[in-house]
Amino acid sequence: MDLYFVYVTVADRGEAERIARTSVEERLAACANILGGIHSVYRWEGEVCEGNEVALILKTTEARREALQQRIRQLHSYACPC
């Protein structure tokens, strides 16, 4: 069985907890790790931006990976989630 780590950055801890809990409750991920705050530097709409975020790692299987990614997009507050 192939296992995958899905790395996601989110706006804050509350969003990380909501995505993590939903993903595990819906059996799209076996486990989720919420990492401490991070400071991100990224390009968005032609500008270099900086901001504080929270990192989230979800562990899943190949069979559930695509469904997990789609569910994250539904739950995520960003227009283009990592």
PDB file of N, CA and C in Angstrom:
ATOM      1  N   MET A   1       0.848  -1.169   0.000  1.00  0.00           N
ATOM      2  CA  MET A   1       0.000   0.000   0.000  1.00  0.00           C
ATOM      3  C   MET A   1       0.898   1.238   0.000  1.00  0.00           C
ATOM      4  N   ASP A   2       0.619   2.181  -0.916  1.00  0.00           N
ATOM      5  CA  ASP A   2       1.359   3.430  -0.958  1.00  0.00           C
ATOM      6  C   ASP A   2       0.743   4.416   0.024  1.00  0.00           C
ATOM      7  N   LEU A   3       1.600   5.057   0.808  1.00  0.00           N
ATOM      8  CA  LEU A   3       1.162   6.054   1.787  1.00  0.00           C
ATOM      9  C   LEU A   3       1.628   7.422   1.342  1.00  0.00           C
ATOM     10  N   TYR A   4       0.847   8.450   1.656  1.00  0.00           N
ATOM     11  CA  TYR A   4       1.146   9.813   1.245  1.00  0.00           C
ATOM     12  C   TYR A   4       1.060  10.757   2.426  1.00  0.00           C
ATOM     13  N   PHE A   5       1.957  11.732   2.437  1.00  0.00           N
ATOM     14  CA  PHE A   5       1.901  12.850   3.355  1.00  0.00           C
ATOM     15  C   PHE A   5       1.406  14.039   2.552  1.00  0.00           C
ATOM     16  N   VAL A   6       0.304  14.634   2.979  1.00  0.00           N
ATOM     17  CA  VAL A   6      -0.260  15.793   2.292  1.00  0.00           C
ATOM     18  C   VAL A   6       0.026  17.006   3.169  1.00  0.00           C
ATOM     19  N   TYR A   7       0.837  17.925   2.649  1.00  0.00           N
ATOM     20  CA  TYR A   7       1.257  19.123   3.371  1.00  0.00           C
ATOM     21  C   TYR A   7       0.356  20.283   2.976  1.00  0.00           C
ATOM     22  N   VAL A   8      -0.188  20.972   3.972  1.00  0.00           N
ATOM     23  CA  VAL A   8      -1.104  22.078   3.725  1.00  0.00           C
ATOM     24  C   VAL A   8      -0.751  23.222   4.672  1.00  0.00           C
ATOM     25  N   THR A   9      -0.755  24.448   4.159  1.00  0.00           N
ATOM     26  CA  THR A   9      -0.651  25.613   5.033  1.00  0.00           C
ATOM     27  C   THR A   9      -2.027  26.246   5.124  1.00  0.00           C
ATOM     28  N   VAL A  10      -2.356  26.743   6.307  1.00  0.00           N
ATOM     29  CA  VAL A  10      -3.663  27.352   6.556  1.00  0.00           C
ATOM     30  C   VAL A  10      -3.484  28.661   7.308  1.00  0.00           C
ATOM     31  N   ALA A  11      -4.563  29.428   7.396  1.00  0.00           N
ATOM     32  CA  ALA A  11      -4.494  30.766   7.985  1.00  0.00           C
ATOM     33  C   ALA A  11      -4.219  30.766   9.487  1.00  0.00           C
ATOM     34  N   ASP A  12      -4.795  29.792  10.214  1.00  0.00           N
ATOM     35  CA  ASP A  12      -4.633  29.798  11.668  1.00  0.00           C
ATOM     36  C   ASP A  12      -4.893  28.410  12.249  1.00  0.00           C
ATOM     37  N   ARG A  13      -4.677  28.299  13.541  1.00  0.00           N
ATOM     38  CA  ARG A  13      -4.808  27.002  14.206  1.00  0.00           C
ATOM     39  C   ARG A  13      -6.240  26.466  14.140  1.00  0.00           C
ATOM     40  N   GLY A  14      -7.219  27.328  14.256  1.00  0.00           N
ATOM     41  CA  GLY A  14      -8.617  26.897  14.190  1.00  0.00           C
ATOM     42  C   GLY A  14      -8.944  26.234  12.861  1.00  0.00           C
ATOM     43  N   GLU A  15      -8.451  26.818  11.775  1.00  0.00           N
ATOM     44  CA  GLU A  15      -8.682  26.226  10.461  1.00  0.00           C
ATOM     45  C   GLU A  15      -7.945  24.892  10.341  1.00  0.00           C
ATOM     46  N   ALA A  16      -6.734  24.823  10.870  1.00  0.00           N
ATOM     47  CA  ALA A  16      -5.970  23.573  10.844  1.00  0.00           C
ATOM     48  C   ALA A  16      -6.720  22.478  11.606  1.00  0.00           C
ATOM     49  N   GLU A  17      -7.242  22.806  12.769  1.00  0.00           N
ATOM     50  CA  GLU A  17      -7.975  21.824  13.569  1.00  0.00           C
ATOM     51  C   GLU A  17      -9.246  21.366  12.856  1.00  0.00           C
ATOM     52  N   ARG A  18      -9.944  22.280  12.204  1.00  0.00           N
ATOM     53  CA  ARG A  18     -11.185  21.939  11.497  1.00  0.00           C
ATOM     54  C   ARG A  18     -10.907  21.006  10.322  1.00  0.00           C
ATOM     55  N   ILE A  19      -9.878  21.323   9.531  1.00  0.00           N
ATOM     56  CA  ILE A  19      -9.531  20.471   8.386  1.00  0.00           C
ATOM     57  C   ILE A  19      -9.021  19.119   8.866  1.00  0.00           C
ATOM     58  N   ALA A  20      -8.193  19.117   9.899  1.00  0.00           N
ATOM     59  CA  ALA A  20      -7.653  17.868  10.435  1.00  0.00           C
ATOM     60  C   ALA A  20      -8.770  16.964  10.951  1.00  0.00           C
ATOM     61  N   ARG A  21      -9.632  17.514  11.782  1.00  0.00           N
ATOM     62  CA  ARG A  21     -10.713  16.710  12.384  1.00  0.00           C
ATOM     63  C   ARG A  21     -11.666  16.176  11.314  1.00  0.00           C
ATOM     64  N   THR A  22     -12.061  17.014  10.376  1.00  0.00           N
ATOM     65  CA  THR A  22     -12.971  16.587   9.314  1.00  0.00           C
ATOM     66  C   THR A  22     -12.341  15.485   8.476  1.00  0.00           C
ATOM     67  N   SER A  23     -11.071  15.647   8.129  1.00  0.00           N
ATOM     68  CA  SER A  23     -10.377  14.664   7.289  1.00  0.00           C
ATOM     69  C   SER A  23     -10.282  13.305   7.967  1.00  0.00           C
ATOM     70  N   VAL A  24     -10.012  13.307   9.257  1.00  0.00           N
ATOM     71  CA  VAL A  24      -9.914  12.042   9.997  1.00  0.00           C
ATOM     72  C   VAL A  24     -11.309  11.453  10.243  1.00  0.00           C
ATOM     73  N   GLU A  25     -12.277  12.300  10.635  1.00  0.00           N
ATOM     74  CA  GLU A  25     -13.637  11.804  10.862  1.00  0.00           C
ATOM     75  C   GLU A  25     -14.236  11.179   9.605  1.00  0.00           C
ATOM     76  N   GLU A  26     -13.948  11.767   8.442  1.00  0.00           N
ATOM     77  CA  GLU A  26     -14.486  11.256   7.182  1.00  0.00           C
ATOM     78  C   GLU A  26     -13.620  10.139   6.588  1.00  0.00           C
ATOM     79  N   ARG A  27     -12.607   9.722   7.329  1.00  0.00           N
ATOM     80  CA  ARG A  27     -11.715   8.631   6.935  1.00  0.00           C
ATOM     81  C   ARG A  27     -10.948   8.903   5.638  1.00  0.00           C
ATOM     82  N   LEU A  28     -10.715  10.178   5.369  1.00  0.00           N
ATOM     83  CA  LEU A  28      -9.892  10.552   4.218  1.00  0.00           C
ATOM     84  C   LEU A  28      -8.417  10.561   4.603  1.00  0.00           C
ATOM     85  N   ALA A  29      -8.150  10.739   5.888  1.00  0.00           N
ATOM     86  CA  ALA A  29      -6.787  10.684   6.430  1.00  0.00           C
ATOM     87  C   ALA A  29      -6.808   9.828   7.683  1.00  0.00           C
ATOM     88  N   ALA A  30      -5.741   9.093   7.893  1.00  0.00           N
ATOM     89  CA  ALA A  30      -5.637   8.266   9.096  1.00  0.00           C
ATOM     90  C   ALA A  30      -5.179   9.088  10.286  1.00  0.00           C
ATOM     91  N   CYS A  31      -4.444  10.166  10.007  1.00  0.00           N
ATOM     92  CA  CYS A  31      -3.843  10.964  11.062  1.00  0.00           C
ATOM     93  C   CYS A  31      -3.549  12.350  10.513  1.00  0.00           C
ATOM     94  N   ALA A  32      -3.555  13.338  11.383  1.00  0.00           N
ATOM     95  CA  ALA A  32      -3.183  14.695  10.998  1.00  0.00           C
ATOM     96  C   ALA A  32      -2.277  15.279  12.079  1.00  0.00           C
ATOM     97  N   ASN A  33      -1.231  15.940  11.658  1.00  0.00           N
ATOM     98  CA  ASN A  33      -0.326  16.626  12.575  1.00  0.00           C
ATOM     99  C   ASN A  33      -0.418  18.121  12.317  1.00  0.00           C
ATOM    100  N   ILE A  34      -0.686  18.875  13.372  1.00  0.00           N
ATOM    101  CA  ILE A  34      -0.728  20.323  13.273  1.00  0.00           C
ATOM    102  C   ILE A  34       0.582  20.841  13.840  1.00  0.00           C
ATOM    103  N   LEU A  35       1.348  21.500  12.991  1.00  0.00           N
ATOM    104  CA  LEU A  35       2.641  22.021  13.398  1.00  0.00           C
ATOM    105  C   LEU A  35       2.470  23.444  13.924  1.00  0.00           C
ATOM    106  N   GLY A  36       3.462  23.918  14.637  1.00  0.00           N
ATOM    107  CA  GLY A  36       3.409  25.267  15.179  1.00  0.00           C
ATOM    108  C   GLY A  36       3.343  26.320  14.095  1.00  0.00           C
ATOM    109  N   GLY A  37       3.193  27.542  14.509  1.00  0.00           N
ATOM    110  CA  GLY A  37       3.120  28.648  13.569  1.00  0.00           C
ATOM    111  C   GLY A  37       4.369  28.743  12.707  1.00  0.00           C
ATOM    112  N   ILE A  38       4.168  29.158  11.481  1.00  0.00           N
ATOM    113  CA  ILE A  38       5.275  29.352  10.550  1.00  0.00           C
ATOM    114  C   ILE A  38       5.136  30.725   9.916  1.00  0.00           C
ATOM    115  N   HIS A  39       6.218  31.256   9.429  1.00  0.00           N
ATOM    116  CA  HIS A  39       6.193  32.516   8.688  1.00  0.00           C
ATOM    117  C   HIS A  39       6.496  32.183   7.237  1.00  0.00           C
ATOM    118  N   SER A  40       5.589  32.529   6.352  1.00  0.00           N
ATOM    119  CA  SER A  40       5.710  32.162   4.941  1.00  0.00           C
ATOM    120  C   SER A  40       6.029  33.386   4.080  1.00  0.00           C
ATOM    121  N   VAL A  41       6.861  33.160   3.084  1.00  0.00           N
ATOM    122  CA  VAL A  41       7.146  34.149   2.050  1.00  0.00           C
ATOM    123  C   VAL A  41       6.715  33.509   0.739  1.00  0.00           C
ATOM    124  N   TYR A  42       5.851  34.178  -0.011  1.00  0.00           N
ATOM    125  CA  TYR A  42       5.270  33.566  -1.201  1.00  0.00           C
ATOM    126  C   TYR A  42       4.929  34.640  -2.241  1.00  0.00           C
ATOM    127  N   ARG A  43       4.754  34.200  -3.472  1.00  0.00           N
ATOM    128  CA  ARG A  43       4.332  35.097  -4.544  1.00  0.00           C
ATOM    129  C   ARG A  43       2.841  34.884  -4.774  1.00  0.00           C
ATOM    130  N   TRP A  44       2.083  35.988  -4.786  1.00  0.00           N
ATOM    131  CA  TRP A  44       0.650  35.930  -5.034  1.00  0.00           C
ATOM    132  C   TRP A  44       0.244  37.132  -5.876  1.00  0.00           C
ATOM    133  N   GLU A  45      -0.371  36.844  -7.022  1.00  0.00           N
ATOM    134  CA  GLU A  45      -0.852  37.870  -7.940  1.00  0.00           C
ATOM    135  C   GLU A  45       0.238  38.885  -8.283  1.00  0.00           C
ATOM    136  N   GLY A  46       1.434  38.356  -8.580  1.00  0.00           N
ATOM    137  CA  GLY A  46       2.547  39.180  -9.022  1.00  0.00           C
ATOM    138  C   GLY A  46       3.316  39.892  -7.926  1.00  0.00           C
ATOM    139  N   GLU A  47       2.932  39.722  -6.689  1.00  0.00           N
ATOM    140  CA  GLU A  47       3.584  40.387  -5.558  1.00  0.00           C
ATOM    141  C   GLU A  47       4.249  39.361  -4.651  1.00  0.00           C
ATOM    142  N   VAL A  48       5.354  39.742  -4.036  1.00  0.00           N
ATOM    143  CA  VAL A  48       5.963  38.911  -2.994  1.00  0.00           C
ATOM    144  C   VAL A  48       5.305  39.314  -1.681  1.00  0.00           C
ATOM    145  N   CYS A  49       4.730  38.335  -1.003  1.00  0.00           N
ATOM    146  CA  CYS A  49       3.982  38.572   0.233  1.00  0.00           C
ATOM    147  C   CYS A  49       4.598  37.779   1.376  1.00  0.00           C
ATOM    148  N   GLU A  50       4.277  38.176   2.589  1.00  0.00           N
ATOM    149  CA  GLU A  50       4.688  37.454   3.790  1.00  0.00           C
ATOM    150  C   GLU A  50       3.504  37.365   4.730  1.00  0.00           C
ATOM    151  N   GLY A  51       3.464  36.298   5.504  1.00  0.00           N
ATOM    152  CA  GLY A  51       2.395  36.171   6.484  1.00  0.00           C
ATOM    153  C   GLY A  51       2.613  34.991   7.402  1.00  0.00           C
ATOM    154  N   ASN A  52       1.919  35.015   8.521  1.00  0.00           N
ATOM    155  CA  ASN A  52       1.971  33.916   9.475  1.00  0.00           C
ATOM    156  C   ASN A  52       0.900  32.895   9.119  1.00  0.00           C
ATOM    157  N   GLU A  53       1.255  31.631   9.207  1.00  0.00           N
ATOM    158  CA  GLU A  53       0.352  30.534   8.890  1.00  0.00           C
ATOM    159  C   GLU A  53       0.588  29.396   9.868  1.00  0.00           C
ATOM    160  N   VAL A  54      -0.193  28.351   9.721  1.00  0.00           N
ATOM    161  CA  VAL A  54      -0.009  27.106  10.463  1.00  0.00           C
ATOM    162  C   VAL A  54       0.134  25.998   9.430  1.00  0.00           C
ATOM    163  N   ALA A  55       1.059  25.077   9.662  1.00  0.00           N
ATOM    164  CA  ALA A  55       1.271  23.952   8.749  1.00  0.00           C
ATOM    165  C   ALA A  55       0.541  22.725   9.276  1.00  0.00           C
ATOM    166  N   LEU A  56       0.034  21.949   8.330  1.00  0.00           N
ATOM    167  CA  LEU A  56      -0.743  20.757   8.642  1.00  0.00           C
ATOM    168  C   LEU A  56      -0.245  19.632   7.743  1.00  0.00           C
ATOM    169  N   ILE A  57       0.020  18.465   8.321  1.00  0.00           N
ATOM    170  CA  ILE A  57       0.410  17.289   7.553  1.00  0.00           C
ATOM    171  C   ILE A  57      -0.637  16.209   7.791  1.00  0.00           C
ATOM    172  N   LEU A  58      -1.219  15.720   6.700  1.00  0.00           N
ATOM    173  CA  LEU A  58      -2.222  14.660   6.774  1.00  0.00           C
ATOM    174  C   LEU A  58      -1.643  13.405   6.146  1.00  0.00           C
ATOM    175  N   LYS A  59      -1.910  12.263   6.757  1.00  0.00           N
ATOM    176  CA  LYS A  59      -1.388  10.983   6.272  1.00  0.00           C
ATOM    177  C   LYS A  59      -2.534  10.178   5.683  1.00  0.00           C
ATOM    178  N   THR A  60      -2.354   9.737   4.426  1.00  0.00           N
ATOM    179  CA  THR A  60      -3.422   9.039   3.732  1.00  0.00           C
ATOM    180  C   THR A  60      -2.859   7.974   2.809  1.00  0.00           C
ATOM    181  N   THR A  61      -3.747   7.261   2.144  1.00  0.00           N
ATOM    182  CA  THR A  61      -3.362   6.224   1.189  1.00  0.00           C
ATOM    183  C   THR A  61      -3.561   6.742  -0.233  1.00  0.00           C
ATOM    184  N   GLU A  62      -2.994   6.018  -1.168  1.00  0.00           N
ATOM    185  CA  GLU A  62      -3.158   6.381  -2.572  1.00  0.00           C
ATOM    186  C   GLU A  62      -4.642   6.393  -2.960  1.00  0.00           C
ATOM    187  N   ALA A  63      -5.394   5.436  -2.452  1.00  0.00           N
ATOM    188  CA  ALA A  63      -6.814   5.322  -2.791  1.00  0.00           C
ATOM    189  C   ALA A  63      -7.634   6.514  -2.293  1.00  0.00           C
ATOM    190  N   ARG A  64      -7.172   7.172  -1.241  1.00  0.00           N
ATOM    191  CA  ARG A  64      -7.938   8.286  -0.656  1.00  0.00           C
ATOM    192  C   ARG A  64      -7.321   9.654  -0.930  1.00  0.00           C
ATOM    193  N   ARG A  65      -6.159   9.682  -1.549  1.00  0.00           N
ATOM    194  CA  ARG A  65      -5.422  10.936  -1.743  1.00  0.00           C
ATOM    195  C   ARG A  65      -6.215  11.985  -2.518  1.00  0.00           C
ATOM    196  N   GLU A  66      -6.770  11.618  -3.629  1.00  0.00           N
ATOM    197  CA  GLU A  66      -7.490  12.592  -4.457  1.00  0.00           C
ATOM    198  C   GLU A  66      -8.734  13.124  -3.740  1.00  0.00           C
ATOM    199  N   ALA A  67      -9.473  12.241  -3.086  1.00  0.00           N
ATOM    200  CA  ALA A  67     -10.662  12.670  -2.343  1.00  0.00           C
ATOM    201  C   ALA A  67     -10.265  13.603  -1.204  1.00  0.00           C
ATOM    202  N   LEU A  68      -9.146  13.323  -0.539  1.00  0.00           N
ATOM    203  CA  LEU A  68      -8.653  14.192   0.527  1.00  0.00           C
ATOM    204  C   LEU A  68      -8.308  15.567  -0.029  1.00  0.00           C
ATOM    205  N   GLN A  69      -7.609  15.609  -1.141  1.00  0.00           N
ATOM    206  CA  GLN A  69      -7.238  16.894  -1.734  1.00  0.00           C
ATOM    207  C   GLN A  69      -8.476  17.707  -2.105  1.00  0.00           C
ATOM    208  N   GLN A  70      -9.473  17.065  -2.663  1.00  0.00           N
ATOM    209  CA  GLN A  70     -10.706  17.770  -3.019  1.00  0.00           C
ATOM    210  C   GLN A  70     -11.426  18.289  -1.777  1.00  0.00           C
ATOM    211  N   ARG A  71     -11.455  17.490  -0.723  1.00  0.00           N
ATOM    212  CA  ARG A  71     -12.127  17.913   0.514  1.00  0.00           C
ATOM    213  C   ARG A  71     -11.387  19.087   1.146  1.00  0.00           C
ATOM    214  N   ILE A  72     -10.069  19.062   1.117  1.00  0.00           N
ATOM    215  CA  ILE A  72      -9.286  20.183   1.646  1.00  0.00           C
ATOM    216  C   ILE A  72      -9.648  21.456   0.895  1.00  0.00           C
ATOM    217  N   ARG A  73      -9.756  21.377  -0.433  1.00  0.00           N
ATOM    218  CA  ARG A  73     -10.129  22.558  -1.227  1.00  0.00           C
ATOM    219  C   ARG A  73     -11.503  23.093  -0.807  1.00  0.00           C
ATOM    220  N   GLN A  74     -12.429  22.208  -0.469  1.00  0.00           N
ATOM    221  CA  GLN A  74     -13.765  22.625  -0.042  1.00  0.00           C
ATOM    222  C   GLN A  74     -13.724  23.327   1.313  1.00  0.00           C
ATOM    223  N   LEU A  75     -12.867  22.848   2.209  1.00  0.00           N
ATOM    224  CA  LEU A  75     -12.813  23.367   3.577  1.00  0.00           C
ATOM    225  C   LEU A  75     -11.895  24.573   3.745  1.00  0.00           C
ATOM    226  N   HIS A  76     -10.970  24.758   2.838  1.00  0.00           N
ATOM    227  CA  HIS A  76      -9.893  25.735   2.985  1.00  0.00           C
ATOM    228  C   HIS A  76     -10.372  27.157   2.711  1.00  0.00           C
ATOM    229  N   SER A  77      -9.819  28.108   3.438  1.00  0.00           N
ATOM    230  CA  SER A  77     -10.202  29.518   3.259  1.00  0.00           C
ATOM    231  C   SER A  77      -9.455  30.210   2.123  1.00  0.00           C
ATOM    232  N   TYR A  78      -8.356  29.617   1.647  1.00  0.00           N
ATOM    233  CA  TYR A  78      -7.571  30.242   0.569  1.00  0.00           C
ATOM    234  C   TYR A  78      -8.173  29.932  -0.792  1.00  0.00           C
ATOM    235  N   ALA A  79      -8.029  30.862  -1.726  1.00  0.00           N
ATOM    236  CA  ALA A  79      -8.474  30.631  -3.102  1.00  0.00           C
ATOM    237  C   ALA A  79      -7.649  29.534  -3.772  1.00  0.00           C
ATOM    238  N   CYS A  80      -6.388  29.425  -3.379  1.00  0.00           N
ATOM    239  CA  CYS A  80      -5.478  28.430  -3.968  1.00  0.00           C
ATOM    240  C   CYS A  80      -4.661  27.799  -2.846  1.00  0.00           C
ATOM    241  N   PRO A  81      -5.213  26.782  -2.150  1.00  0.00           N
ATOM    242  CA  PRO A  81      -4.479  26.175  -1.029  1.00  0.00           C
ATOM    243  C   PRO A  81      -3.219  25.442  -1.484  1.00  0.00           C
ATOM    244  N   CYS A  82      -2.210  25.452  -0.630  1.00  0.00           N
ATOM    245  CA  CYS A  82      -0.975  24.707  -0.888  1.00  0.00           C
ATOM    246  C   CYS A  82      -1.276  23.232  -0.773  1.00  0.00           C
TER     247      CYS A  82
END
